[in-house]
Protein backbone atom coordinates (compact mmCIF):
# COMPACT_ATOMS: atom_id res chain seq x y z
CA MET A 1 -86.84 15.90 -18.88
CA ALA A 2 -90.09 14.64 -17.19
CA ASN A 3 -93.25 14.01 -19.01
CA ARG A 4 -96.21 16.39 -18.24
CA ARG A 5 -99.88 15.22 -18.27
CA ARG A 6 -102.66 17.46 -18.99
CA GLY A 7 -104.70 18.33 -16.13
CA SER A 8 -108.03 19.65 -15.59
CA SER A 9 -108.81 23.61 -16.07
CA ASP A 10 -109.09 23.64 -12.24
CA SER A 11 -105.93 22.06 -11.84
CA ASN A 12 -104.10 24.58 -14.46
CA SER A 13 -105.77 27.72 -12.63
CA GLU A 14 -104.21 26.34 -9.34
CA GLU A 15 -100.91 26.13 -10.80
CA VAL A 16 -101.23 29.56 -12.45
CA SER A 17 -102.20 31.11 -9.00
CA LYS A 18 -99.42 29.36 -7.38
CA LEU A 19 -96.89 30.67 -9.83
CA HIS A 20 -98.18 34.34 -9.59
CA SER A 21 -97.69 34.09 -5.94
CA LEU A 22 -93.95 32.81 -6.19
CA ALA A 23 -93.31 35.39 -8.94
CA GLN A 24 -94.06 38.19 -6.56
CA LEU A 25 -91.56 36.88 -4.21
CA ALA A 26 -88.99 36.39 -6.90
CA GLY A 27 -89.43 39.72 -8.67
CA ILE A 28 -90.74 38.38 -11.75
CA SER A 29 -93.98 38.80 -13.58
CA ILE A 30 -96.11 35.88 -15.27
CA SER A 31 -98.67 36.35 -18.12
CA THR A 32 -100.48 33.25 -19.44
CA ARG A 33 -100.94 32.56 -23.05
CA THR A 34 -102.96 29.48 -24.65
CA HIS A 35 -101.45 26.20 -23.85
CA ARG A 36 -98.33 27.44 -22.16
CA LEU A 37 -96.89 30.04 -19.57
CA MET A 38 -94.59 33.00 -20.49
CA ILE A 39 -92.02 34.13 -17.75
CA LEU A 40 -91.30 37.90 -18.07
CA ILE A 41 -88.19 38.95 -16.22
CA THR A 42 -88.73 42.45 -14.88
CA SER A 43 -85.53 44.93 -14.65
CA ASN A 44 -84.95 44.92 -11.00
CA VAL A 45 -82.06 47.28 -9.77
CA TRP A 46 -79.62 45.24 -7.55
CA LEU A 47 -76.89 47.51 -7.21
CA THR A 48 -75.63 51.14 -8.27
CA THR A 49 -72.39 52.96 -7.90
CA ASP A 50 -71.17 56.65 -7.67
CA LYS A 51 -69.67 56.13 -11.28
CA GLY A 52 -73.11 55.65 -12.88
CA LEU A 53 -72.80 51.85 -13.00
CA LYS A 54 -76.19 49.88 -12.62
CA ILE A 55 -76.82 46.46 -12.11
CA VAL A 56 -80.28 44.93 -13.30
CA ASN A 57 -81.86 41.72 -14.31
CA LEU A 58 -81.22 40.61 -17.91
CA THR A 59 -84.56 41.03 -19.63
CA GLU A 60 -85.52 39.48 -23.01
CA ALA A 61 -85.27 42.98 -24.45
CA ASP A 62 -81.48 43.07 -23.61
CA LEU A 63 -80.58 39.49 -24.45
CA LYS A 64 -79.29 39.91 -27.74
CA GLU A 65 -77.01 42.88 -26.86
CA ALA A 66 -75.73 40.58 -23.96
CA LEU A 67 -74.92 37.67 -26.13
CA VAL A 68 -73.11 40.00 -28.64
CA LEU A 69 -70.98 41.16 -25.37
CA MET A 70 -70.31 37.73 -24.56
CA ARG A 71 -69.11 36.83 -28.11
CA ASN A 72 -67.02 39.91 -28.32
CA SER A 73 -65.48 40.00 -24.79
CA TYR A 74 -65.99 36.67 -22.91
CA TYR A 75 -65.27 33.81 -25.33
CA PRO A 76 -62.20 35.17 -26.92
CA ASP A 77 -60.59 36.20 -23.58
CA GLU A 78 -61.58 33.80 -20.93
CA SER A 79 -59.08 31.18 -19.91
CA VAL A 80 -60.62 27.94 -20.43
CA ALA A 81 -61.95 29.18 -23.79
CA LYS A 82 -58.43 29.95 -24.82
CA ALA A 83 -57.25 26.53 -23.60
CA VAL A 84 -59.70 24.64 -25.58
CA ARG A 85 -58.90 27.10 -28.73
CA LEU A 86 -62.84 28.09 -28.81
CA HIS A 87 -62.19 30.71 -31.24
CA ASP A 88 -61.13 28.07 -33.83
CA CYS A 89 -64.55 26.43 -33.62
CA PRO A 90 -67.45 28.68 -34.41
CA GLU A 91 -69.88 25.88 -34.00
CA ALA A 92 -68.93 25.32 -30.48
CA VAL A 93 -69.31 29.03 -29.60
CA ASP A 94 -72.83 28.55 -30.78
CA GLU A 95 -73.41 25.66 -28.65
CA LEU A 96 -72.24 27.43 -25.50
CA GLU A 97 -74.48 30.24 -26.43
CA LYS A 98 -77.38 28.01 -26.32
CA LEU A 99 -76.32 27.29 -23.01
CA THR A 100 -76.25 30.91 -21.74
CA ILE A 101 -79.77 31.26 -23.35
CA GLU A 102 -81.01 28.35 -21.40
CA THR A 103 -79.39 29.98 -18.38
CA PHE A 104 -81.15 33.08 -18.90
CA GLU A 105 -84.39 31.45 -19.06
CA ASP A 106 -83.99 30.74 -15.13
CA GLY A 107 -84.43 34.54 -14.71
CA SER A 108 -81.36 34.91 -12.47
CA SER A 109 -78.84 36.46 -14.80
CA LEU A 110 -77.83 40.18 -14.61
CA ILE A 111 -76.33 42.86 -16.76
CA ALA A 112 -74.22 45.95 -16.04
CA ILE A 113 -75.20 49.30 -17.67
CA LEU A 114 -73.08 52.25 -17.84
CA ASP A 115 -74.28 55.47 -19.98
CA GLY A 116 -76.98 53.53 -21.44
CA LYS A 117 -74.76 50.50 -22.65
CA ILE A 118 -74.54 46.71 -21.52
CA VAL A 119 -70.85 46.74 -20.34
CA GLY A 120 -71.12 43.32 -18.40
CA ALA A 121 -73.18 40.21 -17.85
CA ALA A 122 -73.29 37.50 -15.26
CA PHE A 123 -75.13 34.46 -16.51
CA ASN A 124 -76.14 32.80 -13.31
CA LYS A 125 -77.57 29.19 -13.60
CA VAL A 126 -79.79 27.78 -10.57
CA GLN A 127 -78.50 24.53 -9.91
CA PHE A 128 -79.94 21.53 -7.82
CA LYS A 129 -77.99 18.80 -5.92
CA PRO A 130 -78.54 15.58 -8.21
CA LYS A 131 -80.11 12.70 -6.78
CA PRO A 132 -78.01 9.43 -6.49
CA GLY A 133 -77.57 8.15 -9.88
CA ASP A 134 -78.81 11.23 -11.90
CA GLN A 135 -76.60 13.43 -13.84
CA SER A 136 -75.98 17.19 -13.09
CA TYR A 137 -77.33 19.92 -15.64
CA PHE A 138 -74.06 20.54 -17.08
CA GLU A 139 -73.79 16.80 -17.81
CA ASP A 140 -77.02 16.70 -19.51
CA PHE A 141 -76.12 19.53 -21.43
CA ARG A 142 -72.90 18.11 -22.61
CA ASP A 143 -74.33 14.89 -23.48
CA PHE A 144 -77.46 15.99 -25.21
CA LYS A 145 -76.70 19.48 -26.49
CA CYS A 146 -73.14 19.51 -27.35
CA LYS A 147 -72.03 18.01 -30.68
CA THR A 148 -68.41 19.49 -31.11
CA ASP A 149 -65.40 18.24 -29.08
CA THR A 150 -64.56 21.80 -28.08
CA ALA A 151 -68.01 22.47 -26.45
CA LYS A 152 -67.84 19.16 -24.70
CA GLU A 153 -64.33 19.93 -23.35
CA TYR A 154 -65.46 23.09 -22.17
CA MET A 155 -68.43 21.56 -20.24
CA ASP A 156 -66.00 18.79 -18.89
CA LEU A 157 -64.11 21.34 -17.36
CA MET A 158 -66.80 22.58 -15.13
CA ILE A 159 -68.17 19.26 -14.33
CA ARG A 160 -64.58 18.07 -13.36
CA VAL A 161 -63.76 21.01 -11.17
CA ASP A 162 -67.49 20.75 -9.55
CA ALA A 163 -66.44 17.15 -8.87
CA ARG A 164 -63.41 18.22 -6.95
CA ASN A 165 -65.53 20.13 -4.53
CA ASP A 166 -68.99 19.15 -3.91
CA ALA A 167 -70.37 22.58 -2.93
CA PHE A 168 -73.62 21.16 -2.24
CA GLU A 169 -72.29 18.63 0.43
CA TYR A 170 -69.75 21.29 1.84
CA TYR A 171 -72.58 23.84 2.57
CA GLY A 172 -75.36 21.39 3.30
CA VAL A 173 -77.58 22.85 0.82
CA GLN A 174 -79.63 21.31 -1.94
CA LYS A 175 -79.67 24.40 -4.28
CA SER A 176 -77.41 26.93 -5.52
CA LEU A 177 -76.89 29.88 -7.83
CA GLU A 178 -73.80 29.38 -10.12
CA LEU A 179 -72.04 32.37 -11.40
CA MET A 180 -71.52 30.53 -14.60
CA PHE A 181 -70.14 33.12 -17.28
CA LEU A 182 -68.98 36.58 -15.93
CA GLY A 183 -68.19 38.81 -18.94
CA VAL A 184 -66.92 42.40 -18.98
CA SER A 185 -66.58 44.55 -22.12
CA ARG A 186 -63.06 45.05 -23.35
CA ASP A 187 -63.65 48.80 -23.26
CA HIS A 188 -64.73 48.88 -19.79
CA ARG A 189 -62.26 46.71 -17.66
CA GLY A 190 -60.72 47.84 -14.60
CA LEU A 191 -63.89 49.69 -13.40
CA ARG A 192 -64.88 46.89 -10.85
CA ILE A 193 -67.68 46.04 -13.18
CA GLY A 194 -67.36 42.27 -12.64
CA LYS A 195 -67.26 42.75 -8.73
CA SER A 196 -70.45 44.70 -8.90
CA LEU A 197 -72.00 41.65 -10.83
CA ALA A 198 -70.79 39.07 -8.32
CA GLU A 199 -72.09 41.28 -5.27
CA ALA A 200 -75.48 41.70 -7.20
CA THR A 201 -75.54 38.08 -7.77
CA CYS A 202 -75.38 37.46 -3.85
CA LYS A 203 -78.26 40.14 -3.45
CA LEU A 204 -80.32 38.26 -6.04
CA ALA A 205 -79.74 34.84 -4.61
CA LYS A 206 -80.89 36.20 -1.17
CA SER A 207 -84.05 37.52 -2.59
CA ARG A 208 -84.90 34.33 -3.69
CA ASP A 209 -83.97 32.21 -0.95
CA ILE A 210 -81.01 30.23 -2.65
CA PRO A 211 -78.79 29.73 0.06
CA LEU A 212 -75.36 29.51 -1.79
CA VAL A 213 -73.66 31.24 -4.63
CA ASN A 214 -70.80 29.05 -6.19
CA VAL A 215 -68.35 29.82 -9.15
CA ILE A 216 -65.25 28.64 -10.86
CA PHE A 217 -62.95 31.63 -11.29
CA SER A 218 -60.42 31.05 -14.21
CA SER A 219 -58.11 34.17 -14.19
CA ASN A 220 -56.16 36.07 -11.60
CA PHE A 221 -58.37 39.13 -12.02
CA SER A 222 -61.68 37.10 -11.53
CA GLN A 223 -59.95 35.19 -8.64
CA ALA A 224 -59.15 38.72 -7.13
CA ILE A 225 -62.86 39.51 -7.13
CA GLY A 226 -63.84 36.45 -4.94
CA ARG A 227 -61.05 37.28 -2.52
CA ALA A 228 -61.94 41.00 -2.17
CA LEU A 229 -65.58 39.89 -1.43
CA GLN A 230 -64.28 37.31 1.04
CA TRP A 231 -65.75 34.27 -0.49
CA ASP A 232 -64.57 30.89 0.43
CA GLU A 233 -61.95 29.22 -1.60
CA LEU A 234 -62.97 25.49 -2.00
CA CYS A 235 -60.14 24.27 -4.16
CA THR A 236 -57.39 25.49 -6.39
CA ILE A 237 -56.37 23.50 -9.36
CA GLN A 238 -53.56 24.18 -11.72
CA MET A 239 -54.38 24.69 -15.37
CA ASN A 240 -51.78 21.95 -16.58
CA GLU A 241 -53.55 19.34 -14.73
CA PHE A 242 -55.86 19.56 -17.92
CA SER A 243 -55.17 19.02 -21.44
CA PHE A 244 -57.08 19.28 -24.88
CA LYS A 245 -55.81 17.74 -28.05
CA GLY A 246 -52.19 16.96 -26.54
CA ARG A 247 -51.67 20.50 -25.17
CA PRO A 248 -51.94 21.49 -21.73
CA TYR A 249 -54.29 24.02 -20.78
CA GLY A 250 -51.33 26.40 -19.30
CA ASP A 251 -49.83 26.63 -22.62
CA PHE A 252 -52.49 29.05 -23.91
CA THR A 253 -53.54 31.01 -20.52
CA GLY A 254 -50.44 33.06 -20.10
CA GLU A 255 -50.36 34.51 -16.43
CA HIS A 256 -53.51 32.70 -15.53
CA GLN A 257 -52.40 29.36 -14.52
CA THR A 258 -54.99 28.20 -11.90
CA LEU A 259 -58.71 27.58 -11.54
CA VAL A 260 -60.17 28.54 -8.11
CA ALA A 261 -63.59 27.22 -7.14
CA MET A 262 -65.13 29.71 -4.54
CA GLY A 263 -68.50 29.79 -2.62
CA LYS A 264 -70.59 32.13 -0.58
CA LYS A 265 -73.00 31.06 2.13
CA ILE A 266 -76.20 33.33 1.56
CA ASP A 267 -77.59 34.10 5.16
């Protein structure tokens, strides 16, 4: 994290003016408070279906409910979470929840609403190509925010898969929107909610001039979403190439035996 010097009032006013202009383009609003800026994410509608499903921005008002959904439906069921036995380490869940909160602060995460309830969430992380010698955001989070071996292993998996396929290099871009965590309520699966969230993520990326959406799909079901949307398959890795505490990932992931990194160039 870079240190920031105090500037003159004219300099601060100019910065606020620039942020307001950028905010209008990005679909967010900015209010100023003493000594700091507060970014307020507005609830834009990105996609609707004839079944009444609506995909909107995740706002602070809905963050708590979205985090509950992740605890109830994502962390217990996601393949890598099973492989690292995340459910056995509540502290690791807390650490990964901090990751989702930091990701929310990027202003690019989405929720799916059906009958007035949040039934799905996509926590989308804005990523930048690291400069030579610099660590990625995930590496920094692992090294400075994770204390448990379980959370570190979860972060390591994402780091290692990203290293297998340099999406920045492959697509020739400096910035991406990573569909980091995609969760759907256990009671609402099979309704194409995950697909709608993925589609809406691409719409949001386009609106913010982010040239790439990338993702690591860890189940047969999520991989089917990427293929249905005709995303590029960048690499496929067998679960059993990884192990945690002496046990191969595949011992815990049932029928879901591959990790597939995918990307979608946004035109």
